[in-house]
């Protein structure tokens, strides 16, 4: 993954736990994270998703792949200029930019 070091604070591995994801969300101050498996984007996870998991009696040690959103918004590299408009329109905080194989290329943050 060839991302700017500053953008790594928006990423968690799919094998991470709910507790790990909460820690990253608290650090990045964007109320969500992008979930990757290697360099492929496989989902997103918001603080709302995490609250729902806890209300459903999930333990903090639960892997996030069990509670992540796999029906997430993303854009491809050629549409990157539209990213900020999508963030505003959809009221989301992070938007992964991917290639045709879902490899993470960039992250657009609100």
Protein backbone atom coordinates (compact mmCIF):
# COMPACT_ATOMS: atom_id res chain seq x y z
CA UNK A 1 0.00 0.00 0.00
CA UNK A 2 1.52 3.29 -1.11
CA UNK A 3 -0.44 5.73 1.01
CA UNK A 4 0.64 8.95 2.63
CA UNK A 5 1.63 8.07 6.23
CA UNK A 6 -1.05 10.46 7.52
CA UNK A 7 -3.78 8.36 5.87
CA UNK A 8 -2.77 5.14 7.60
CA UNK A 9 -4.73 6.33 10.65
CA UNK A 10 -7.93 5.62 8.70
CA UNK A 11 -7.21 1.92 8.09
CA UNK A 12 -7.66 -1.25 10.12
CA UNK A 13 -6.98 -4.84 9.17
CA UNK A 14 -9.97 -7.14 8.80
CA UNK A 15 -8.55 -9.38 11.53
CA UNK A 16 -8.60 -6.53 14.06
CA UNK A 17 -11.07 -6.55 16.93
CA UNK A 18 -13.85 -4.17 17.88
CA UNK A 19 -11.54 -2.82 20.57
CA UNK A 20 -8.78 -2.19 18.00
CA UNK A 21 -11.20 -0.39 15.69
CA UNK A 22 -12.49 1.85 18.51
CA UNK A 23 -8.90 2.86 19.25
CA UNK A 24 -8.22 3.80 15.63
CA UNK A 25 -11.51 5.73 15.33
CA UNK A 26 -10.67 7.66 18.49
CA UNK A 27 -7.28 8.59 17.06
CA UNK A 28 -8.39 9.52 13.54
CA UNK A 29 -11.34 11.69 14.66
CA UNK A 30 -13.38 10.78 11.55
CA UNK A 31 -15.93 8.45 13.17
CA UNK A 32 -15.04 5.56 10.85
CA UNK A 33 -12.31 3.37 9.40
CA UNK A 34 -11.64 1.56 6.15
CA UNK A 35 -11.20 -2.18 6.58
CA UNK A 36 -8.54 -3.89 4.48
CA UNK A 37 -7.34 -7.42 3.91
CA UNK A 38 -3.76 -6.92 2.79
CA UNK A 39 -4.06 -4.02 0.35
CA UNK A 40 -7.68 -4.79 -0.70
CA UNK A 41 -10.60 -2.83 0.70
CA UNK A 42 -13.17 -5.25 2.10
CA UNK A 43 -15.42 -2.96 4.12
CA UNK A 44 -15.90 0.06 6.30
CA UNK A 45 -16.76 0.42 9.93
CA UNK A 46 -18.32 3.44 11.60
CA UNK A 47 -18.71 4.30 15.24
CA UNK A 48 -22.42 3.63 14.70
CA UNK A 49 -21.64 0.11 13.46
CA UNK A 50 -19.55 -0.45 16.58
CA UNK A 51 -22.28 0.86 18.89
CA UNK A 52 -24.77 -1.46 17.20
CA UNK A 53 -22.41 -4.40 17.67
CA UNK A 54 -22.06 -3.65 21.37
CA UNK A 55 -25.83 -3.26 21.77
CA UNK A 56 -26.11 -6.69 20.12
CA UNK A 57 -23.90 -8.03 22.94
CA UNK A 58 -20.76 -8.43 20.83
CA UNK A 59 -17.59 -8.58 22.90
CA UNK A 60 -14.78 -6.09 22.38
CA UNK A 61 -12.67 -9.06 21.24
CA UNK A 62 -15.04 -9.76 18.32
CA UNK A 63 -13.23 -9.57 14.94
CA UNK A 64 -14.43 -6.59 12.95
CA UNK A 65 -15.00 -8.69 9.83
CA UNK A 66 -18.07 -9.98 11.70
CA UNK A 67 -19.58 -6.51 12.11
CA UNK A 68 -18.14 -4.39 9.28
CA UNK A 69 -20.19 -2.93 6.46
CA UNK A 70 -19.48 -4.83 3.25
CA UNK A 71 -21.93 -2.71 1.25
CA UNK A 72 -19.82 0.44 1.40
CA UNK A 73 -19.27 3.50 -0.78
CA UNK A 74 -16.06 3.79 -2.73
CA UNK A 75 -14.84 5.43 -5.90
CA UNK A 76 -12.32 4.50 -8.54
CA UNK A 77 -9.25 6.57 -9.29
CA UNK A 78 -10.69 8.28 -12.35
CA UNK A 79 -13.55 9.69 -10.25
CA UNK A 80 -11.34 10.91 -7.42
CA UNK A 81 -12.22 14.57 -8.09
CA UNK A 82 -15.84 13.81 -7.19
CA UNK A 83 -14.84 12.47 -3.77
CA UNK A 84 -15.43 15.57 -1.64
CA UNK A 85 -18.85 16.09 -3.21
CA UNK A 86 -19.79 12.49 -2.40
CA UNK A 87 -18.65 12.93 1.23
CA UNK A 88 -20.88 15.97 1.60
CA UNK A 89 -23.86 14.53 -0.28
CA UNK A 90 -23.85 11.18 1.56
CA UNK A 91 -22.78 12.64 4.92
CA UNK A 92 -19.86 10.26 5.32
CA UNK A 93 -16.39 11.01 6.62
CA UNK A 94 -14.07 8.68 4.70
CA UNK A 95 -14.17 7.43 1.13
CA UNK A 96 -11.76 4.79 -0.18
CA UNK A 97 -10.35 5.28 -3.68
CA UNK A 98 -9.71 1.89 -5.27
CA UNK A 99 -8.64 0.34 -8.54
CA UNK A 100 -10.60 -2.33 -10.46
CA UNK A 101 -9.36 -5.04 -8.08
CA UNK A 102 -10.37 -3.11 -4.93
CA UNK A 103 -6.76 -2.27 -4.09
CA UNK A 104 -6.66 0.83 -1.92
CA UNK A 105 -5.10 3.71 -3.85
CA UNK A 106 -6.06 6.69 -1.69
CA UNK A 107 -8.47 7.90 0.97
CA UNK A 108 -10.55 11.03 0.79
CA UNK A 109 -11.32 12.44 4.24
CA UNK A 110 -13.86 15.11 5.16
